[in-house]
């Protein structure tokens, strides 16, 4: 939502200022320039990235239109599911978790937390790590390395998308210059024509430069940054799971493990200790 609001403000300010200076909107409507910039940008994106990244570009862009899924409510639900899972393991042993972590989609525990179960990577990280603990063959320091490798690879893969968008944005001013140069070439071919005709062609050529700079700094750059912020928010969410799992693997009590996780949450999203007690008390009841 804020992405749309921001883009509207950017376009409104630029076009509004142009109109206030008695500029004509019709002059900016140059389909040929749009084709050059759009086609060159899309082509460079396809050349530089594999299909998986191209698909992720679309999904992450659409994801920006939705609210941030890693807010206070999501963290509260995460702490609840971690506490209930750890309590189950403490009461029935890790073997008692086997049916839940083997088939989380049919687990009566996970089904109570739709926000968590809707996050495939979070469910996979939690369940796969508990399966490793169930084998009893992994030391604490090795478990930390395993979790770090998992999170690092996932983060690296996710960051390929904003990097791809940033690269296209960086190229936009150059493509704008290409469009302008082509326009100048066309203008030079009509150098013997009327002054008004030459002026129109020069104006059309400059639109390409204008659009390239505007798209680079007003659209692609901010969108890529918004994607990075969303990815960092997801990474922080996963770090909370990592922290809780390492605490639990050391033999800490469920409440202690969940408290470690709570302390890893950004202060503006973090529930208070009293709120945490209230959440876990509800689960205990």
Protein backbone atom coordinates (compact mmCIF):
# COMPACT_ATOMS: atom_id res chain seq x y z
CA UNK A 1 0.00 0.00 0.00
CA UNK A 2 2.74 2.47 0.96
CA UNK A 3 4.57 1.61 -2.27
CA UNK A 4 1.55 2.73 -4.29
CA UNK A 5 1.18 5.88 -2.19
CA UNK A 6 4.85 6.71 -2.66
CA UNK A 7 4.74 6.19 -6.42
CA UNK A 8 1.63 8.37 -6.70
CA UNK A 9 3.40 11.14 -4.74
CA UNK A 10 6.50 10.90 -6.95
CA UNK A 11 4.55 11.00 -10.20
CA UNK A 12 2.12 13.62 -8.89
CA UNK A 13 4.92 15.94 -7.77
CA UNK A 14 6.88 15.62 -11.03
CA UNK A 15 3.93 15.90 -13.40
CA UNK A 16 2.23 18.50 -11.21
CA UNK A 17 5.31 20.72 -11.21
CA UNK A 18 5.60 20.32 -14.98
CA UNK A 19 1.96 21.35 -15.51
CA UNK A 20 2.35 24.31 -13.14
CA UNK A 21 5.07 25.57 -15.47
CA UNK A 22 2.48 25.42 -18.26
CA UNK A 23 3.87 22.20 -19.69
CA UNK A 24 1.63 20.13 -21.95
CA UNK A 25 0.95 16.54 -20.89
CA UNK A 26 0.57 15.49 -24.54
CA UNK A 27 4.25 16.23 -25.15
CA UNK A 28 5.23 13.59 -22.57
CA UNK A 29 3.15 10.88 -24.22
CA UNK A 30 5.69 9.37 -26.59
CA UNK A 31 4.93 5.67 -27.25
CA UNK A 32 8.19 5.21 -29.13
CA UNK A 33 10.21 6.34 -26.11
CA UNK A 34 8.18 4.06 -23.85
CA UNK A 35 8.89 1.15 -26.19
CA UNK A 36 12.63 1.80 -26.26
CA UNK A 37 12.96 2.16 -22.49
CA UNK A 38 10.54 -0.62 -21.58
CA UNK A 39 11.88 -3.07 -24.13
CA UNK A 40 15.53 -2.39 -23.34
CA UNK A 41 14.89 -2.64 -19.59
CA UNK A 42 12.94 -5.89 -19.89
CA UNK A 43 15.49 -7.34 -22.28
CA UNK A 44 18.41 -6.55 -19.98
CA UNK A 45 16.52 -8.12 -17.07
CA UNK A 46 15.94 -11.32 -19.05
CA UNK A 47 19.55 -11.47 -20.25
CA UNK A 48 21.06 -11.04 -16.80
CA UNK A 49 18.84 -13.34 -14.74
CA UNK A 50 17.66 -16.98 -14.81
CA UNK A 51 13.93 -17.83 -14.99
CA UNK A 52 13.74 -18.44 -11.24
CA UNK A 53 14.81 -14.85 -10.52
CA UNK A 54 12.43 -13.46 -13.17
CA UNK A 55 9.55 -15.34 -11.55
CA UNK A 56 10.62 -14.11 -8.11
CA UNK A 57 10.74 -10.52 -9.44
CA UNK A 58 7.04 -10.74 -10.24
CA UNK A 59 6.07 -12.39 -6.95
CA UNK A 60 8.10 -9.98 -4.81
CA UNK A 61 6.75 -6.96 -6.69
CA UNK A 62 3.18 -8.14 -6.10
CA UNK A 63 4.10 -8.87 -2.49
CA UNK A 64 4.91 -5.20 -1.94
CA UNK A 65 1.25 -4.41 -2.58
CA UNK A 66 0.35 -6.39 0.55
CA UNK A 67 0.99 -5.35 4.17
CA UNK A 68 4.25 -6.42 5.78
CA UNK A 69 3.58 -9.97 7.07
CA UNK A 70 6.24 -9.67 9.78
CA UNK A 71 4.51 -7.35 12.20
CA UNK A 72 3.76 -7.58 15.91
CA UNK A 73 0.89 -10.02 15.36
CA UNK A 74 3.10 -12.42 13.38
CA UNK A 75 5.78 -12.34 16.07
CA UNK A 76 3.23 -12.97 18.81
CA UNK A 77 1.99 -16.01 16.89
CA UNK A 78 5.56 -17.20 16.34
CA UNK A 79 6.32 -17.07 20.06
CA UNK A 80 3.14 -19.01 20.77
CA UNK A 81 3.90 -21.81 18.33
CA UNK A 82 7.50 -22.08 19.55
CA UNK A 83 6.36 -22.30 23.16
CA UNK A 84 3.74 -24.94 22.41
CA UNK A 85 6.17 -27.04 20.37
CA UNK A 86 8.86 -26.86 23.04
CA UNK A 87 6.36 -27.65 25.79
CA UNK A 88 5.19 -30.68 23.81
CA UNK A 89 8.78 -31.86 23.47
CA UNK A 90 9.46 -31.34 27.16
CA UNK A 91 6.36 -33.26 28.16
CA UNK A 92 6.43 -36.13 25.64
CA UNK A 93 10.05 -36.00 24.45
CA UNK A 94 11.22 -35.25 20.93
CA UNK A 95 9.57 -38.47 19.78
CA UNK A 96 6.23 -36.92 20.70
CA UNK A 97 6.88 -34.23 18.06
CA UNK A 98 7.57 -36.67 15.26
CA UNK A 99 4.05 -36.75 13.84
CA UNK A 100 3.84 -32.93 13.98
CA UNK A 101 7.15 -32.20 12.27
CA UNK A 102 6.78 -34.94 9.66
CA UNK A 103 3.38 -33.65 8.51
CA UNK A 104 3.02 -30.05 9.74
CA UNK A 105 0.10 -29.40 7.38
CA UNK A 106 -1.99 -31.97 9.30
CA UNK A 107 -0.65 -31.15 12.77
CA UNK A 108 -3.25 -29.92 15.25
CA UNK A 109 -0.60 -27.65 16.75
CA UNK A 110 0.46 -25.92 13.54
CA UNK A 111 -3.09 -25.61 12.26
CA UNK A 112 -3.84 -23.20 15.10
CA UNK A 113 -1.30 -20.73 13.71
CA UNK A 114 -2.22 -19.86 10.10
CA UNK A 115 0.22 -16.94 9.87
CA UNK A 116 3.13 -19.22 10.75
CA UNK A 117 2.05 -22.23 8.68
CA UNK A 118 1.57 -19.95 5.67
CA UNK A 119 5.30 -19.23 5.73
CA UNK A 120 6.83 -22.26 4.00
CA UNK A 121 10.41 -21.38 4.84
CA UNK A 122 9.65 -20.80 8.54
CA UNK A 123 7.85 -24.13 8.84
CA UNK A 124 10.63 -25.90 6.97
CA UNK A 125 13.34 -24.30 9.13
CA UNK A 126 11.61 -25.28 12.37
CA UNK A 127 10.56 -28.79 11.38
CA UNK A 128 13.80 -29.76 9.61
CA UNK A 129 15.88 -28.58 12.56
CA UNK A 130 13.72 -30.51 15.02
CA UNK A 131 14.15 -33.60 12.83
CA UNK A 132 17.92 -33.13 13.10
CA UNK A 133 17.63 -32.85 16.89
CA UNK A 134 15.50 -35.99 16.88
CA UNK A 135 18.41 -37.97 15.45
CA UNK A 136 20.52 -36.99 18.48
CA UNK A 137 23.71 -36.88 16.41
CA UNK A 138 24.30 -33.13 16.09
CA UNK A 139 26.31 -31.03 18.56
CA UNK A 140 25.16 -27.54 19.52
CA UNK A 141 27.91 -25.74 17.59
CA UNK A 142 27.21 -27.85 14.50
CA UNK A 143 23.51 -27.05 14.75
CA UNK A 144 24.33 -23.34 14.77
CA UNK A 145 26.40 -23.79 11.61
CA UNK A 146 23.59 -25.72 9.92
CA UNK A 147 21.08 -22.98 10.72
CA UNK A 148 23.46 -20.25 9.57
CA UNK A 149 24.03 -21.98 6.23
CA UNK A 150 20.28 -22.38 5.70
CA UNK A 151 19.50 -18.74 6.51
CA UNK A 152 22.45 -17.40 4.54
CA UNK A 153 21.50 -19.31 1.38
CA UNK A 154 17.85 -18.29 1.64
CA UNK A 155 18.80 -14.65 2.21
CA UNK A 156 21.23 -14.69 -0.71
CA UNK A 157 18.61 -16.15 -3.05
CA UNK A 158 15.98 -13.62 -1.98
CA UNK A 159 18.39 -10.70 -2.46
CA UNK A 160 18.95 -11.62 -6.11
CA UNK A 161 15.62 -9.97 -6.93
CA UNK A 162 16.29 -6.45 -5.57
CA UNK A 163 19.78 -6.64 -7.06
CA UNK A 164 18.22 -7.41 -10.45
CA UNK A 165 15.74 -4.54 -10.12
CA UNK A 166 18.53 -2.19 -9.04
CA UNK A 167 20.59 -3.15 -12.10
CA UNK A 168 17.70 -2.31 -14.40
CA UNK A 169 17.19 0.98 -12.59
CA UNK A 170 20.88 1.83 -12.94
CA UNK A 171 20.62 1.21 -16.68
CA UNK A 172 17.53 3.38 -17.21
CA UNK A 173 19.36 6.73 -17.55
CA UNK A 174 21.62 5.13 -20.16
CA UNK A 175 18.64 3.76 -22.07
CA UNK A 176 17.11 7.22 -21.84
CA UNK A 177 20.20 8.68 -23.48
CA UNK A 178 19.96 6.02 -26.22
CA UNK A 179 16.35 7.03 -26.85
CA UNK A 180 17.36 10.71 -26.92
CA UNK A 181 20.23 10.08 -29.35
CA UNK A 182 17.91 8.18 -31.67
CA UNK A 183 15.50 11.11 -31.47
CA UNK A 184 18.30 13.53 -32.35
CA UNK A 185 19.24 11.35 -35.34
CA UNK A 186 15.65 11.55 -36.56
CA UNK A 187 15.66 15.31 -35.97
CA UNK A 188 18.85 15.76 -37.97
CA UNK A 189 17.16 13.97 -40.84
CA UNK A 190 14.49 16.68 -40.82
CA UNK A 191 16.85 19.60 -40.33
CA UNK A 192 15.48 21.36 -43.39
CA UNK A 193 11.89 21.25 -42.13
CA UNK A 194 9.88 23.83 -40.28
CA UNK A 195 11.15 25.06 -36.93
CA UNK A 196 8.00 23.84 -35.17
CA UNK A 197 8.49 20.35 -36.58
CA UNK A 198 12.12 20.26 -35.46
CA UNK A 199 11.11 21.50 -32.01
CA UNK A 200 8.56 18.71 -31.63
CA UNK A 201 11.14 16.08 -32.57
CA UNK A 202 13.71 17.49 -30.13
CA UNK A 203 11.09 17.53 -27.36
CA UNK A 204 10.19 13.92 -28.11
CA UNK A 205 13.86 12.96 -27.95
CA UNK A 206 14.33 14.64 -24.56
CA UNK A 207 11.33 12.74 -23.16
CA UNK A 208 13.44 9.57 -23.34
CA UNK A 209 16.13 11.09 -21.10
CA UNK A 210 13.46 12.42 -18.73
CA UNK A 211 11.74 9.04 -18.44
CA UNK A 212 15.00 7.18 -17.95
CA UNK A 213 16.05 9.35 -15.02
CA UNK A 214 12.56 9.38 -13.49
CA UNK A 215 12.18 5.60 -13.69
CA UNK A 216 15.67 5.03 -12.27
CA UNK A 217 15.39 7.23 -9.21
CA UNK A 218 11.64 7.47 -8.76
CA UNK A 219 10.51 3.90 -9.44
CA UNK A 220 13.13 1.16 -9.75
CA UNK A 221 15.43 2.42 -6.99
CA UNK A 222 12.72 2.83 -4.33
CA UNK A 223 11.00 -0.44 -5.30
CA UNK A 224 14.28 -2.35 -5.01
CA UNK A 225 14.92 -0.75 -1.60
CA UNK A 226 11.41 -1.71 -0.45
CA UNK A 227 12.11 -5.29 -1.51
CA UNK A 228 15.35 -5.27 0.49
CA UNK A 229 13.55 -4.03 3.59
CA UNK A 230 10.93 -6.76 3.23
CA UNK A 231 13.66 -9.40 2.85
CA UNK A 232 15.50 -8.07 5.91
CA UNK A 233 12.23 -8.26 7.87
CA UNK A 234 11.85 -11.91 6.85
CA UNK A 235 15.48 -12.60 7.81
CA UNK A 236 14.92 -11.10 11.28
CA UNK A 237 11.86 -13.33 11.68
CA UNK A 238 13.92 -16.40 10.80
CA UNK A 239 16.66 -15.36 13.23
CA UNK A 240 14.07 -15.49 16.03
CA UNK A 241 13.39 -19.13 15.15
CA UNK A 242 17.14 -19.83 15.03
CA UNK A 243 17.71 -18.27 18.45
CA UNK A 244 14.88 -20.26 20.04
CA UNK A 245 16.02 -23.54 18.49
CA UNK A 246 19.61 -23.11 19.70
CA UNK A 247 18.39 -22.32 23.21
CA UNK A 248 16.09 -25.34 23.20
CA UNK A 249 18.89 -27.58 21.87
CA UNK A 250 21.06 -26.53 24.83
CA UNK A 251 18.40 -27.88 27.17
CA UNK A 252 16.86 -24.55 28.23
CA UNK A 253 13.28 -24.51 29.46
CA UNK A 254 10.61 -23.64 26.86
CA UNK A 255 9.98 -20.24 28.44
CA UNK A 256 13.69 -19.46 28.40
CA UNK A 257 14.03 -20.46 24.74
CA UNK A 258 11.04 -18.31 23.79
CA UNK A 259 12.44 -15.40 25.81
CA UNK A 260 15.69 -15.62 23.85
CA UNK A 261 13.59 -15.41 20.71
CA UNK A 262 11.61 -12.43 22.04
CA UNK A 263 14.79 -10.49 22.78
CA UNK A 264 15.81 -10.96 19.14
CA UNK A 265 12.73 -9.06 17.89
CA UNK A 266 13.04 -5.42 16.87
CA UNK A 267 11.91 -3.20 19.80
CA UNK A 268 9.00 -1.62 17.90
CA UNK A 269 7.58 -5.09 17.14
CA UNK A 270 8.59 -6.88 20.33
CA UNK A 271 5.88 -7.87 22.83
CA UNK A 272 6.61 -7.05 26.45
CA UNK A 273 7.51 -9.81 28.89
CA UNK A 274 4.06 -9.45 30.46
CA UNK A 275 2.48 -9.91 27.03
CA UNK A 276 4.68 -12.97 26.46
CA UNK A 277 3.56 -14.46 29.76
CA UNK A 278 -0.04 -13.82 28.79
CA UNK A 279 0.47 -15.53 25.42
CA UNK A 280 2.13 -18.59 26.94
CA UNK A 281 -0.45 -18.75 29.73
CA UNK A 282 -3.18 -18.99 27.14
CA UNK A 283 -1.35 -21.89 25.52
CA UNK A 284 -0.85 -23.58 28.87
CA UNK A 285 -4.55 -23.24 29.59
